[in-house]
Amino acid sequence: MVYQKPVFSKTTFKSPDLTKLKAVIIDHRTTIYIAQDADSEAARDKYLSRYPTRLIK
């Protein structure tokens, strides 16, 4: 039996509005977006703790 992926219509999936989020730059090619009232240093530390082998220059 072949497994089929569920079909997502464009009306059910809604992308987040990036103008309402704050950009946190991790390195020259990585940017994450967090809530406006969230702490950017805590978000950066949390992201880097998930990827311990990532080198930051």
PDB file of N, CA and C in Angstrom:
ATOM      1  N   MET A   1       0.847  -1.176   0.000  1.00  0.00           N
ATOM      2  CA  MET A   1       0.000   0.000   0.000  1.00  0.00           C
ATOM      3  C   MET A   1       0.895   1.243   0.000  1.00  0.00           C
ATOM      4  N   VAL A   2       0.579   2.194  -0.824  1.00  0.00           N
ATOM      5  CA  VAL A   2       1.373   3.404  -0.981  1.00  0.00           C
ATOM      6  C   VAL A   2       0.803   4.492  -0.085  1.00  0.00           C
ATOM      7  N   TYR A   3       1.692   5.086   0.691  1.00  0.00           N
ATOM      8  CA  TYR A   3       1.290   6.183   1.567  1.00  0.00           C
ATOM      9  C   TYR A   3       1.262   7.478   0.779  1.00  0.00           C
ATOM     10  N   GLN A   4       0.182   8.223   0.894  1.00  0.00           N
ATOM     11  CA  GLN A   4       0.084   9.511   0.230  1.00  0.00           C
ATOM     12  C   GLN A   4       0.117  10.621   1.260  1.00  0.00           C
ATOM     13  N   LYS A   5       0.836  11.678   0.929  1.00  0.00           N
ATOM     14  CA  LYS A   5       0.884  12.834   1.805  1.00  0.00           C
ATOM     15  C   LYS A   5      -0.473  13.531   1.801  1.00  0.00           C
ATOM     16  N   PRO A   6      -0.862  14.103   2.938  1.00  0.00           N
ATOM     17  CA  PRO A   6      -2.131  14.834   2.941  1.00  0.00           C
ATOM     18  C   PRO A   6      -2.023  16.099   2.082  1.00  0.00           C
ATOM     19  N   VAL A   7      -3.104  16.453   1.454  1.00  0.00           N
ATOM     20  CA  VAL A   7      -3.133  17.624   0.591  1.00  0.00           C
ATOM     21  C   VAL A   7      -3.549  18.825   1.429  1.00  0.00           C
ATOM     22  N   PHE A   8      -2.707  19.863   1.410  1.00  0.00           N
ATOM     23  CA  PHE A   8      -3.013  21.084   2.134  1.00  0.00           C
ATOM     24  C   PHE A   8      -3.488  22.123   1.133  1.00  0.00           C
ATOM     25  N   SER A   9      -4.671  22.572   1.322  1.00  0.00           N
ATOM     26  CA  SER A   9      -5.143  23.621   0.428  1.00  0.00           C
ATOM     27  C   SER A   9      -4.577  24.952   0.900  1.00  0.00           C
ATOM     28  N   LYS A  10      -4.553  25.897   0.034  1.00  0.00           N
ATOM     29  CA  LYS A  10      -3.972  27.196   0.361  1.00  0.00           C
ATOM     30  C   LYS A  10      -4.797  27.948   1.390  1.00  0.00           C
ATOM     31  N   THR A  11      -6.022  27.573   1.582  1.00  0.00           N
ATOM     32  CA  THR A  11      -6.860  28.278   2.543  1.00  0.00           C
ATOM     33  C   THR A  11      -6.620  27.802   3.968  1.00  0.00           C
ATOM     34  N   THR A  12      -6.100  26.582   4.164  1.00  0.00           N
ATOM     35  CA  THR A  12      -5.918  26.081   5.518  1.00  0.00           C
ATOM     36  C   THR A  12      -4.567  26.467   6.096  1.00  0.00           C
ATOM     37  N   PHE A  13      -3.572  26.703   5.254  1.00  0.00           N
ATOM     38  CA  PHE A  13      -2.256  27.062   5.747  1.00  0.00           C
ATOM     39  C   PHE A  13      -2.060  28.563   5.626  1.00  0.00           C
ATOM     40  N   LYS A  14      -1.653  29.185   6.734  1.00  0.00           N
ATOM     41  CA  LYS A  14      -1.452  30.627   6.732  1.00  0.00           C
ATOM     42  C   LYS A  14      -0.033  30.915   7.201  1.00  0.00           C
ATOM     43  N   SER A  15       0.730  31.587   6.389  1.00  0.00           N
ATOM     44  CA  SER A  15       2.101  31.947   6.741  1.00  0.00           C
ATOM     45  C   SER A  15       2.089  33.055   7.784  1.00  0.00           C
ATOM     46  N   PRO A  16       3.082  33.049   8.675  1.00  0.00           N
ATOM     47  CA  PRO A  16       3.142  34.133   9.654  1.00  0.00           C
ATOM     48  C   PRO A  16       3.507  35.453   8.984  1.00  0.00           C
ATOM     49  N   ASP A  17       2.996  36.535   9.517  1.00  0.00           N
ATOM     50  CA  ASP A  17       3.291  37.860   8.987  1.00  0.00           C
ATOM     51  C   ASP A  17       4.630  38.318   9.556  1.00  0.00           C
ATOM     52  N   LEU A  18       5.661  38.356   8.725  1.00  0.00           N
ATOM     53  CA  LEU A  18       7.004  38.686   9.196  1.00  0.00           C
ATOM     54  C   LEU A  18       7.145  40.142   9.604  1.00  0.00           C
ATOM     55  N   THR A  19       6.231  40.998   9.188  1.00  0.00           N
ATOM     56  CA  THR A  19       6.308  42.401   9.606  1.00  0.00           C
ATOM     57  C   THR A  19       5.928  42.560  11.072  1.00  0.00           C
ATOM     58  N   LYS A  20       5.227  41.574  11.630  1.00  0.00           N
ATOM     59  CA  LYS A  20       4.836  41.632  13.033  1.00  0.00           C
ATOM     60  C   LYS A  20       5.813  40.887  13.930  1.00  0.00           C
ATOM     61  N   LEU A  21       6.881  40.336  13.360  1.00  0.00           N
ATOM     62  CA  LEU A  21       7.883  39.597  14.121  1.00  0.00           C
ATOM     63  C   LEU A  21       9.211  40.345  14.100  1.00  0.00           C
ATOM     64  N   LYS A  22      10.068  40.037  15.082  1.00  0.00           N
ATOM     65  CA  LYS A  22      11.386  40.658  15.180  1.00  0.00           C
ATOM     66  C   LYS A  22      12.425  39.685  14.648  1.00  0.00           C
ATOM     67  N   ALA A  23      13.301  40.164  13.766  1.00  0.00           N
ATOM     68  CA  ALA A  23      14.352  39.331  13.187  1.00  0.00           C
ATOM     69  C   ALA A  23      15.548  39.291  14.123  1.00  0.00           C
ATOM     70  N   VAL A  24      16.075  38.092  14.356  1.00  0.00           N
ATOM     71  CA  VAL A  24      17.287  37.895  15.155  1.00  0.00           C
ATOM     72  C   VAL A  24      18.308  37.250  14.229  1.00  0.00           C
ATOM     73  N   ILE A  25      19.418  37.934  14.001  1.00  0.00           N
ATOM     74  CA  ILE A  25      20.445  37.431  13.107  1.00  0.00           C
ATOM     75  C   ILE A  25      21.392  36.546  13.900  1.00  0.00           C
ATOM     76  N   ILE A  26      21.508  35.276  13.490  1.00  0.00           N
ATOM     77  CA  ILE A  26      22.383  34.319  14.150  1.00  0.00           C
ATOM     78  C   ILE A  26      23.779  34.407  13.551  1.00  0.00           C
ATOM     79  N   ASP A  27      23.884  34.297  12.246  1.00  0.00           N
ATOM     80  CA  ASP A  27      25.146  34.503  11.548  1.00  0.00           C
ATOM     81  C   ASP A  27      24.832  35.097  10.179  1.00  0.00           C
ATOM     82  N   HIS A  28      25.811  35.145   9.291  1.00  0.00           N
ATOM     83  CA  HIS A  28      25.624  35.841   8.022  1.00  0.00           C
ATOM     84  C   HIS A  28      24.588  35.192   7.112  1.00  0.00           C
ATOM     85  N   ARG A  29      24.173  33.952   7.375  1.00  0.00           N
ATOM     86  CA  ARG A  29      23.176  33.303   6.527  1.00  0.00           C
ATOM     87  C   ARG A  29      21.985  32.745   7.291  1.00  0.00           C
ATOM     88  N   THR A  30      21.893  32.982   8.588  1.00  0.00           N
ATOM     89  CA  THR A  30      20.806  32.448   9.400  1.00  0.00           C
ATOM     90  C   THR A  30      20.099  33.580  10.124  1.00  0.00           C
ATOM     91  N   THR A  31      18.804  33.681   9.920  1.00  0.00           N
ATOM     92  CA  THR A  31      17.969  34.655  10.603  1.00  0.00           C
ATOM     93  C   THR A  31      16.737  33.926  11.117  1.00  0.00           C
ATOM     94  N   ILE A  32      16.413  34.151  12.395  1.00  0.00           N
ATOM     95  CA  ILE A  32      15.195  33.584  12.956  1.00  0.00           C
ATOM     96  C   ILE A  32      14.262  34.735  13.311  1.00  0.00           C
ATOM     97  N   TYR A  33      12.983  34.439  13.395  1.00  0.00           N
ATOM     98  CA  TYR A  33      11.988  35.456  13.700  1.00  0.00           C
ATOM     99  C   TYR A  33      11.281  35.077  14.990  1.00  0.00           C
ATOM    100  N   ILE A  34      11.169  36.061  15.887  1.00  0.00           N
ATOM    101  CA  ILE A  34      10.543  35.842  17.191  1.00  0.00           C
ATOM    102  C   ILE A  34       9.484  36.916  17.406  1.00  0.00           C
ATOM    103  N   ALA A  35       8.725  36.759  18.471  1.00  0.00           N
ATOM    104  CA  ALA A  35       7.705  37.747  18.809  1.00  0.00           C
ATOM    105  C   ALA A  35       8.370  39.076  19.167  1.00  0.00           C
ATOM    106  N   GLN A  36       7.635  40.162  18.995  1.00  0.00           N
ATOM    107  CA  GLN A  36       8.194  41.496  19.253  1.00  0.00           C
ATOM    108  C   GLN A  36       8.646  41.676  20.706  1.00  0.00           C
ATOM    109  N   ASP A  37       7.930  41.081  21.641  1.00  0.00           N
ATOM    110  CA  ASP A  37       8.247  41.282  23.051  1.00  0.00           C
ATOM    111  C   ASP A  37       9.203  40.224  23.615  1.00  0.00           C
ATOM    112  N   ALA A  38       9.679  39.292  22.798  1.00  0.00           N
ATOM    113  CA  ALA A  38      10.573  38.234  23.260  1.00  0.00           C
ATOM    114  C   ALA A  38      12.007  38.746  23.331  1.00  0.00           C
ATOM    115  N   ASP A  39      12.823  38.091  24.153  1.00  0.00           N
ATOM    116  CA  ASP A  39      14.218  38.466  24.336  1.00  0.00           C
ATOM    117  C   ASP A  39      15.068  37.869  23.216  1.00  0.00           C
ATOM    118  N   SER A  40      15.781  38.725  22.487  1.00  0.00           N
ATOM    119  CA  SER A  40      16.553  38.251  21.340  1.00  0.00           C
ATOM    120  C   SER A  40      17.781  37.449  21.772  1.00  0.00           C
ATOM    121  N   GLU A  41      18.417  37.817  22.873  1.00  0.00           N
ATOM    122  CA  GLU A  41      19.586  37.060  23.346  1.00  0.00           C
ATOM    123  C   GLU A  41      19.180  35.659  23.804  1.00  0.00           C
ATOM    124  N   ALA A  42      18.051  35.549  24.466  1.00  0.00           N
ATOM    125  CA  ALA A  42      17.575  34.238  24.909  1.00  0.00           C
ATOM    126  C   ALA A  42      17.213  33.375  23.707  1.00  0.00           C
ATOM    127  N   ALA A  43      16.618  33.969  22.679  1.00  0.00           N
ATOM    128  CA  ALA A  43      16.274  33.215  21.469  1.00  0.00           C
ATOM    129  C   ALA A  43      17.527  32.743  20.749  1.00  0.00           C
ATOM    130  N   ARG A  44      18.551  33.591  20.687  1.00  0.00           N
ATOM    131  CA  ARG A  44      19.809  33.214  20.043  1.00  0.00           C
ATOM    132  C   ARG A  44      20.483  32.068  20.803  1.00  0.00           C
ATOM    133  N   ASP A  45      20.510  32.154  22.135  1.00  0.00           N
ATOM    134  CA  ASP A  45      21.113  31.094  22.947  1.00  0.00           C
ATOM    135  C   ASP A  45      20.329  29.780  22.808  1.00  0.00           C
ATOM    136  N   LYS A  46      19.014  29.859  22.759  1.00  0.00           N
ATOM    137  CA  LYS A  46      18.188  28.665  22.601  1.00  0.00           C
ATOM    138  C   LYS A  46      18.435  28.021  21.246  1.00  0.00           C
ATOM    139  N   TYR A  47      18.547  28.828  20.189  1.00  0.00           N
ATOM    140  CA  TYR A  47      18.817  28.300  18.854  1.00  0.00           C
ATOM    141  C   TYR A  47      20.176  27.627  18.809  1.00  0.00           C
ATOM    142  N   LEU A  48      21.185  28.266  19.368  1.00  0.00           N
ATOM    143  CA  LEU A  48      22.536  27.707  19.331  1.00  0.00           C
ATOM    144  C   LEU A  48      22.672  26.459  20.202  1.00  0.00           C
ATOM    145  N   SER A  49      21.859  26.352  21.246  1.00  0.00           N
ATOM    146  CA  SER A  49      21.918  25.156  22.085  1.00  0.00           C
ATOM    147  C   SER A  49      21.348  23.935  21.353  1.00  0.00           C
ATOM    148  N   ARG A  50      20.488  24.160  20.388  1.00  0.00           N
ATOM    149  CA  ARG A  50      19.936  23.053  19.602  1.00  0.00           C
ATOM    150  C   ARG A  50      20.937  22.530  18.585  1.00  0.00           C
ATOM    151  N   TYR A  51      21.861  23.369  18.175  1.00  0.00           N
ATOM    152  CA  TYR A  51      22.857  22.991  17.174  1.00  0.00           C
ATOM    153  C   TYR A  51      24.254  23.239  17.748  1.00  0.00           C
ATOM    154  N   PRO A  52      24.742  22.360  18.633  1.00  0.00           N
ATOM    155  CA  PRO A  52      26.011  22.621  19.318  1.00  0.00           C
ATOM    156  C   PRO A  52      27.231  22.565  18.409  1.00  0.00           C
ATOM    157  N   THR A  53      27.153  21.905  17.265  1.00  0.00           N
ATOM    158  CA  THR A  53      28.318  21.811  16.382  1.00  0.00           C
ATOM    159  C   THR A  53      28.418  22.993  15.421  1.00  0.00           C
ATOM    160  N   ARG A  54      27.472  23.888  15.473  1.00  0.00           N
ATOM    161  CA  ARG A  54      27.462  25.036  14.569  1.00  0.00           C
ATOM    162  C   ARG A  54      28.570  26.013  14.970  1.00  0.00           C
ATOM    163  N   LEU A  55      29.367  26.412  14.022  1.00  0.00           N
ATOM    164  CA  LEU A  55      30.448  27.361  14.261  1.00  0.00           C
ATOM    165  C   LEU A  55      29.980  28.768  13.945  1.00  0.00           C
ATOM    166  N   ILE A  56      30.214  29.678  14.866  1.00  0.00           N
ATOM    167  CA  ILE A  56      29.854  31.078  14.676  1.00  0.00           C
ATOM    168  C   ILE A  56      31.137  31.876  14.490  1.00  0.00           C
ATOM    169  N   LYS A  57      31.226  32.591  13.378  1.00  0.00           N
ATOM    170  CA  LYS A  57      32.404  33.425  13.116  1.00  0.00           C
ATOM    171  C   LYS A  57      32.074  34.876  13.205  1.00  0.00           C
TER     172      LYS A  57
END
